[in-house]
Amino acid sequence: MGAKPGEASSAEVRNQQQANRRVTSVDVAAESGVSQATVARVFSSPEKVSPATREKVRSAAERLGYVPNAIARSLKSQRTNIVGAVVPAYGEYWQNVLAEFSRQLAQRSYQLLLFSFAKPEDVDGALASVAQYRLDGVILASATIGQAQLGRMQSSPLPSVAFNQPAAEGLVPSVSVDNEVGMAELAQHLVDMKVGTALYIGGVSSVSTDQVRYRGAVQALAEHGVACPYMEAGAYTYDAGYKAAGELAQRDNLPEAVMVGSDEVAFGVLDGLENAGISAPRDLLLTGFDGLPQASWAGYDLTTLVQATDVLVAQAIDVLLDSNSAADRPASVVVPGTIRYGMTTKKSDG
């Protein structure tokens, strides 16, 4: 009995069901005339298969629209080729870092899975989420991750590396820019500019990155008799810097130089001061730290410590993936930065 008008025939239904069915390695094996094991080897260990067989299997896979199942492959190999990153949900610095991690991991056929948090109190939840996934490693990409949390990661079987986290030293392998020396070099630049008074605007005083950078600045300036009190912006954001600039503008006496603990905060400070009629370098000199792309924009032209992000990321990936055991992983890798000299520390000749 035929199908009623408007209804699909049984053959059409079967064809549609077959079209909707996911193509498997069994189908590719039948199409190419090889075993299913050979198909698996072509996509997991192609060097173990002859070029002619590889071409035959790949051609069959292309005709059928076959896509290898990464999850099934990972169950067999005990590797997922997925690396997690625990990272703040905001911040221009971290966006740049994550873009570089994603690029370099992709070159090594790895995928990046993000576990983000908006507030420090959310870190535990992000770390708990990490434990629910099968990963080949995890990048702890925030100085907000505390020592107690780092200690727990130390006892985890999951390989981990801390990125730009001074507090991680001795707990988990870490890769970071030389925060203290970099800020000391910026301070020396200000000394060379004959600065007599200075102020340091940090992000969050309890964070190790902030502490180490401030130490580099205050010690270098103190050697030349220049005091450098600390002011907390409250966050590593543009808005926090803008607000801090408003408070600074209310002071009776401005410092001759302001050292800011991160570029993103520095951008807010520059704009906030400009709104109050104060500009760098006309009224004071100003430095940042990180080397974000925006630092070179004409509107900022910021003197800052540039981190070699590509080198830092490459080192972190090597530590995480190229060590055969925890004992092989270096305790810490420190990469020097370089100063970018911008208009914000260029005194006028007048």
Protein backbone atom coordinates (compact mmCIF):
# COMPACT_ATOMS: atom_id res chain seq x y z
CA MET A 1 0.00 0.00 0.00
CA GLY A 2 1.49 3.32 -1.08
CA ALA A 3 1.95 6.36 1.05
CA LYS A 4 -0.92 8.81 1.31
CA PRO A 5 -0.55 12.17 -0.44
CA GLY A 6 1.75 14.40 1.66
CA GLU A 7 3.25 11.44 3.53
CA ALA A 8 6.80 10.13 3.02
CA SER A 9 7.20 6.54 1.81
CA SER A 10 8.93 3.99 4.03
CA ALA A 11 11.95 4.06 1.71
CA GLU A 12 12.14 7.84 1.99
CA VAL A 13 11.91 7.60 5.79
CA ARG A 14 14.75 5.06 5.83
CA ASN A 15 16.84 7.26 3.58
CA GLN A 16 16.21 10.27 5.81
CA GLN A 17 17.09 8.26 8.91
CA GLN A 18 20.33 7.17 7.26
CA ALA A 19 21.09 10.75 6.28
CA ASN A 20 20.56 11.90 9.87
CA ARG A 21 22.67 9.09 11.32
CA ARG A 22 26.20 9.98 12.28
CA VAL A 23 28.79 8.38 9.99
CA THR A 24 31.08 6.07 11.94
CA SER A 25 34.49 4.50 11.41
CA VAL A 26 32.65 1.27 10.52
CA ASP A 27 31.13 3.06 7.52
CA VAL A 28 34.52 4.43 6.47
CA ALA A 29 36.08 0.97 6.79
CA ALA A 30 33.40 -0.55 4.55
CA GLU A 31 33.71 2.27 2.02
CA SER A 32 37.50 2.06 1.79
CA GLY A 33 37.81 -1.73 2.07
CA VAL A 34 40.01 -1.78 5.17
CA SER A 35 39.49 -2.78 8.78
CA GLN A 36 38.01 -0.45 11.40
CA ALA A 37 41.34 -0.63 13.26
CA THR A 38 43.12 0.72 10.18
CA VAL A 39 40.69 3.64 10.00
CA ALA A 40 41.39 4.40 13.65
CA ARG A 41 45.15 4.34 13.03
CA VAL A 42 44.84 6.71 10.07
CA PHE A 43 43.35 9.37 12.33
CA SER A 44 45.28 8.68 15.55
CA SER A 45 48.70 7.43 14.35
CA PRO A 46 48.92 8.15 10.59
CA GLU A 47 52.67 7.48 10.53
CA LYS A 48 51.89 3.80 11.16
CA VAL A 49 49.84 3.49 7.95
CA SER A 50 51.16 3.43 4.37
CA PRO A 51 50.58 6.61 2.32
CA ALA A 52 48.36 4.75 -0.17
CA THR A 53 46.11 3.39 2.59
CA ARG A 54 45.99 6.77 4.32
CA GLU A 55 44.85 8.42 1.10
CA LYS A 56 42.20 5.73 0.47
CA VAL A 57 40.76 6.05 3.99
CA ARG A 58 40.81 9.86 4.02
CA SER A 59 39.11 10.00 0.62
CA ALA A 60 36.38 7.65 1.86
CA ALA A 61 35.96 9.72 5.02
CA GLU A 62 35.61 12.89 2.97
CA ARG A 63 33.00 11.36 0.67
CA LEU A 64 30.94 10.15 3.63
CA GLY A 65 31.40 13.31 5.72
CA TYR A 66 33.08 11.36 8.51
CA VAL A 67 34.43 13.34 11.51
CA PRO A 68 36.60 11.44 14.04
CA ASN A 69 35.16 11.27 17.54
CA ALA A 70 37.68 13.02 19.78
CA ILE A 71 36.05 11.77 22.97
CA ALA A 72 36.14 8.14 21.89
CA ARG A 73 39.75 8.56 20.79
CA SER A 74 40.68 10.08 24.15
CA LEU A 75 39.20 7.11 26.03
CA LYS A 76 41.59 4.83 24.19
CA SER A 77 44.67 7.06 24.41
CA GLN A 78 43.96 8.34 27.95
CA ARG A 79 44.56 11.86 26.62
CA THR A 80 41.92 14.42 25.68
CA ASN A 81 44.13 17.07 24.03
CA ILE A 82 42.20 19.60 26.10
CA VAL A 83 43.90 22.05 28.46
CA GLY A 84 41.87 24.03 30.98
CA ALA A 85 42.51 27.60 32.12
CA VAL A 86 41.19 29.11 35.35
CA VAL A 87 41.02 32.80 34.54
CA PRO A 88 39.17 36.02 35.50
CA ALA A 89 36.07 36.71 33.45
CA TYR A 90 37.23 40.24 32.66
CA GLY A 91 40.40 42.18 31.87
CA GLU A 92 42.19 43.22 28.70
CA TYR A 93 45.42 41.62 29.93
CA TRP A 94 43.85 38.19 30.30
CA GLN A 95 42.07 38.46 26.95
CA ASN A 96 45.46 38.95 25.28
CA VAL A 97 47.02 36.09 27.23
CA LEU A 98 44.18 33.67 26.47
CA ALA A 99 44.26 34.52 22.77
CA GLU A 100 47.95 33.59 22.73
CA PHE A 101 47.36 30.38 24.68
CA SER A 102 44.59 29.39 22.29
CA ARG A 103 46.80 30.08 19.25
CA GLN A 104 49.82 28.17 20.51
CA LEU A 105 47.82 25.22 21.84
CA ALA A 106 46.01 24.90 18.51
CA GLN A 107 49.38 24.63 16.79
CA ARG A 108 49.99 21.56 18.95
CA SER A 109 46.48 20.15 18.25
CA TYR A 110 45.16 21.04 21.70
CA GLN A 111 41.95 22.83 22.63
CA LEU A 112 41.57 25.42 25.40
CA LEU A 113 38.66 25.11 27.84
CA LEU A 114 37.96 28.14 30.05
CA PHE A 115 36.85 28.10 33.69
CA SER A 116 36.21 31.76 34.45
CA PHE A 117 35.28 33.57 37.65
CA ALA A 118 34.03 37.10 38.22
CA LYS A 119 34.98 37.57 41.88
CA PRO A 120 37.72 36.15 44.14
CA GLU A 121 35.12 34.23 46.12
CA ASP A 122 34.18 32.38 42.92
CA VAL A 123 37.64 30.82 42.48
CA ASP A 124 36.79 27.70 44.53
CA GLY A 125 33.80 27.04 42.30
CA ALA A 126 35.94 27.34 39.16
CA LEU A 127 38.53 24.94 40.57
CA ALA A 128 35.78 22.50 41.55
CA SER A 129 34.51 22.58 37.97
CA VAL A 130 37.98 21.71 36.69
CA ALA A 131 37.86 18.45 38.65
CA GLN A 132 34.73 17.40 36.77
CA TYR A 133 36.48 17.29 33.39
CA ARG A 134 39.12 15.04 31.88
CA LEU A 135 41.94 17.42 31.01
CA ASP A 136 45.56 16.96 30.07
CA GLY A 137 46.52 19.91 32.25
CA VAL A 138 45.32 23.20 33.72
CA ILE A 139 46.69 26.75 33.59
CA LEU A 140 46.12 28.74 36.79
CA ALA A 141 45.99 32.13 35.13
CA SER A 142 45.30 34.59 37.91
CA ALA A 143 47.14 36.03 40.90
CA THR A 144 43.74 36.01 42.62
CA ILE A 145 44.12 32.25 43.13
CA GLY A 146 45.38 32.06 46.73
CA GLN A 147 48.09 29.93 48.28
CA ALA A 148 45.61 27.56 49.94
CA GLN A 149 43.97 26.92 46.58
CA LEU A 150 47.35 26.47 44.91
CA GLY A 151 48.26 23.99 47.65
CA ARG A 152 45.21 21.91 46.80
CA MET A 153 46.21 21.88 43.14
CA GLN A 154 49.68 20.73 44.17
CA SER A 155 48.20 17.55 45.62
CA SER A 156 46.02 16.93 42.56
CA PRO A 157 47.16 14.36 39.95
CA LEU A 158 46.23 16.86 37.23
CA PRO A 159 49.34 18.64 35.86
CA SER A 160 49.14 22.39 36.47
CA VAL A 161 51.16 25.53 35.86
CA ALA A 162 50.62 28.97 37.39
CA PHE A 163 50.85 31.92 35.02
CA ASN A 164 52.21 35.23 36.36
CA GLN A 165 51.48 34.21 39.93
CA PRO A 166 54.40 34.98 42.30
CA ALA A 167 52.65 33.26 45.22
CA ALA A 168 52.78 29.94 43.35
CA GLU A 169 56.53 29.52 43.77
CA GLY A 170 57.21 26.41 45.82
CA LEU A 171 53.63 25.16 45.42
CA VAL A 172 53.09 24.49 41.73
CA PRO A 173 55.31 25.10 38.69
CA SER A 174 55.03 28.71 37.57
CA VAL A 175 55.93 30.94 34.65
CA SER A 176 55.97 34.71 35.06
CA VAL A 177 57.53 37.95 33.92
CA ASP A 178 60.18 39.34 36.27
CA ASN A 179 57.67 41.55 38.09
CA GLU A 180 60.02 43.01 40.70
CA VAL A 181 62.94 43.74 38.39
CA GLY A 182 60.65 45.10 35.68
CA MET A 183 59.06 47.61 38.04
CA ALA A 184 62.48 48.50 39.45
CA GLU A 185 63.66 49.30 35.92
CA LEU A 186 60.68 51.62 35.42
CA ALA A 187 61.49 53.29 38.74
CA GLN A 188 65.10 53.78 37.64
CA HIS A 189 63.81 55.42 34.46
CA LEU A 190 61.92 57.92 36.63
CA VAL A 191 65.03 58.52 38.73
CA ASP A 192 66.91 59.28 35.52
CA MET A 193 64.17 61.83 34.76
CA LYS A 194 65.03 63.57 38.08
CA VAL A 195 61.75 62.73 39.78
CA GLY A 196 61.66 63.80 43.44
CA THR A 197 58.23 62.55 44.56
CA ALA A 198 56.21 59.53 43.48
CA LEU A 199 53.01 57.58 44.10
CA TYR A 200 52.23 53.94 43.35
CA ILE A 201 48.67 53.01 42.33
CA GLY A 202 48.15 49.26 42.67
CA GLY A 203 45.19 47.08 41.86
CA VAL A 204 44.51 44.93 44.94
CA SER A 205 47.05 45.12 47.77
CA SER A 206 46.50 41.52 48.93
CA VAL A 207 47.44 40.04 45.55
CA SER A 208 51.02 38.77 45.26
CA THR A 209 51.62 40.35 41.83
CA ASP A 210 50.74 43.74 43.26
CA GLN A 211 53.00 43.23 46.25
CA VAL A 212 56.02 42.14 44.22
CA ARG A 213 55.69 44.97 41.71
CA TYR A 214 55.29 47.56 44.44
CA ARG A 215 58.34 46.19 46.22
CA GLY A 216 60.39 46.61 43.07
CA ALA A 217 59.26 50.21 42.69
CA VAL A 218 59.57 51.35 46.29
CA GLN A 219 63.00 49.80 46.86
CA ALA A 220 64.48 51.21 43.66
CA LEU A 221 63.16 54.69 44.42
CA ALA A 222 64.23 54.53 48.07
CA GLU A 223 67.84 53.96 47.01
CA HIS A 224 67.71 57.47 45.57
CA GLY A 225 65.84 59.04 48.47
CA VAL A 226 62.44 59.09 46.75
CA ALA A 227 59.45 57.99 48.84
CA CYS A 228 56.66 56.12 47.04
CA PRO A 229 53.47 55.64 49.09
CA TYR A 230 50.89 53.07 47.98
CA MET A 231 47.34 53.76 46.82
CA GLU A 232 44.90 50.92 46.11
CA ALA A 233 42.59 51.20 43.11
CA GLY A 234 40.56 48.21 44.31
CA ALA A 235 40.57 46.23 41.07
CA TYR A 236 42.60 45.70 37.90
CA THR A 237 40.14 47.58 35.71
CA TYR A 238 39.85 50.77 33.74
CA ASP A 239 36.99 51.96 35.97
CA ALA A 240 39.07 51.43 39.13
CA GLY A 241 41.88 53.49 37.63
CA TYR A 242 39.49 56.26 36.59
CA LYS A 243 38.09 56.43 40.12
CA ALA A 244 41.57 56.47 41.66
CA ALA A 245 42.49 59.37 39.38
CA GLY A 246 39.53 61.33 40.72
CA GLU A 247 40.78 60.86 44.27
CA LEU A 248 44.32 61.80 43.26
CA ALA A 249 43.12 64.96 41.55
CA GLN A 250 41.59 66.16 44.84
CA ARG A 251 44.97 66.26 46.57
CA ASP A 252 46.62 69.58 47.28
CA ASN A 253 49.99 68.44 45.97
CA LEU A 254 50.42 66.11 43.04
CA PRO A 255 53.41 63.74 42.94
CA GLU A 256 55.92 64.28 40.19
CA ALA A 257 55.40 60.70 39.01
CA VAL A 258 52.71 58.04 39.29
CA MET A 259 53.60 54.37 38.85
CA VAL A 260 50.56 52.20 38.06
CA GLY A 261 50.59 48.44 38.64
CA SER A 262 48.91 47.49 35.34
CA ASP A 263 48.23 49.07 31.96
CA GLU A 264 44.47 48.69 32.15
CA VAL A 265 44.37 50.61 35.43
CA ALA A 266 46.83 53.14 33.95
CA PHE A 267 44.50 53.86 31.03
CA GLY A 268 41.75 54.71 33.51
CA VAL A 269 44.12 56.89 35.53
CA LEU A 270 45.21 58.81 32.44
CA ASP A 271 41.64 59.47 31.32
CA GLY A 272 40.48 60.30 34.85
CA LEU A 273 43.28 62.81 35.32
CA GLU A 274 42.60 64.31 31.90
CA ASN A 275 38.98 64.80 32.91
CA ALA A 276 40.23 66.75 35.94
CA GLY A 277 42.47 68.92 33.78
CA ILE A 278 45.68 67.05 34.64
CA SER A 279 47.75 65.43 31.92
CA ALA A 280 50.89 63.37 31.56
CA PRO A 281 53.59 64.38 30.95
CA ARG A 282 52.67 68.06 31.36
CA ASP A 283 51.69 67.85 35.04
CA LEU A 284 53.24 64.54 36.11
CA LEU A 285 54.97 61.50 34.65
CA LEU A 286 53.15 58.17 34.53
CA THR A 287 54.11 54.53 33.92
CA GLY A 288 52.14 51.29 33.51
CA PHE A 289 52.98 47.59 33.45
CA ASP A 290 52.07 44.78 31.01
CA GLY A 291 52.60 46.17 27.53
CA LEU A 292 49.02 45.89 26.26
CA PRO A 293 48.50 46.81 22.58
CA GLN A 294 46.54 49.92 23.63
CA ALA A 295 49.68 51.31 25.29
CA SER A 296 50.96 52.32 21.85
CA TRP A 297 47.75 54.10 20.85
CA ALA A 298 48.25 57.80 20.22
CA GLY A 299 45.71 58.68 22.90
CA TYR A 300 47.82 56.95 25.58
CA ASP A 301 51.41 56.44 24.30
CA LEU A 302 52.19 54.91 27.68
CA THR A 303 55.61 54.17 29.13
CA THR A 304 55.26 50.61 30.37
CA LEU A 305 57.01 47.31 31.04
CA VAL A 306 56.21 45.04 28.08
CA GLN A 307 55.75 41.36 28.84
CA ALA A 308 56.86 38.92 26.14
CA THR A 309 53.47 37.19 26.16
CA ASP A 310 54.33 34.79 23.35
CA VAL A 311 57.47 33.64 25.19
CA LEU A 312 55.67 33.36 28.54
CA VAL A 313 52.86 31.30 27.01
CA ALA A 314 55.28 29.03 25.15
CA GLN A 315 57.20 28.41 28.36
CA ALA A 316 53.99 27.64 30.29
CA ILE A 317 52.83 25.16 27.65
CA ASP A 318 56.22 23.46 27.64
CA VAL A 319 56.17 23.13 31.43
CA LEU A 320 52.65 21.72 31.34
CA LEU A 321 52.83 19.32 28.41
CA ASP A 322 56.45 18.42 27.78
CA SER A 323 57.35 17.11 31.22
CA ASN A 324 57.03 13.36 31.70
CA SER A 325 56.43 13.68 35.43
CA ALA A 326 55.97 16.28 38.14
CA ALA A 327 59.64 15.89 39.03
CA ASP A 328 60.61 17.02 35.52
CA ARG A 329 58.72 20.31 35.78
CA PRO A 330 60.83 23.33 36.79
CA ALA A 331 59.78 25.06 40.00
CA SER A 332 59.59 28.42 38.27
CA VAL A 333 60.48 30.12 35.01
CA VAL A 334 61.05 33.88 35.03
CA VAL A 335 61.13 35.86 31.78
CA PRO A 336 62.47 39.44 31.69
CA GLY A 337 60.38 42.27 30.27
CA THR A 338 61.42 45.33 28.26
CA ILE A 339 60.50 48.96 28.74
CA ARG A 340 58.44 50.76 26.14
CA TYR A 341 59.25 54.47 26.39
CA GLY A 342 56.17 56.54 25.61
CA MET A 343 55.14 60.18 25.86
CA THR A 344 53.80 59.78 29.41
CA THR A 345 57.35 60.10 30.79
CA LYS A 346 58.79 62.52 28.26
CA LYS A 347 59.40 65.84 29.98
CA SER A 348 59.10 68.98 27.92
CA ASP A 349 62.24 70.93 27.19
CA GLY A 350 60.74 74.11 28.57
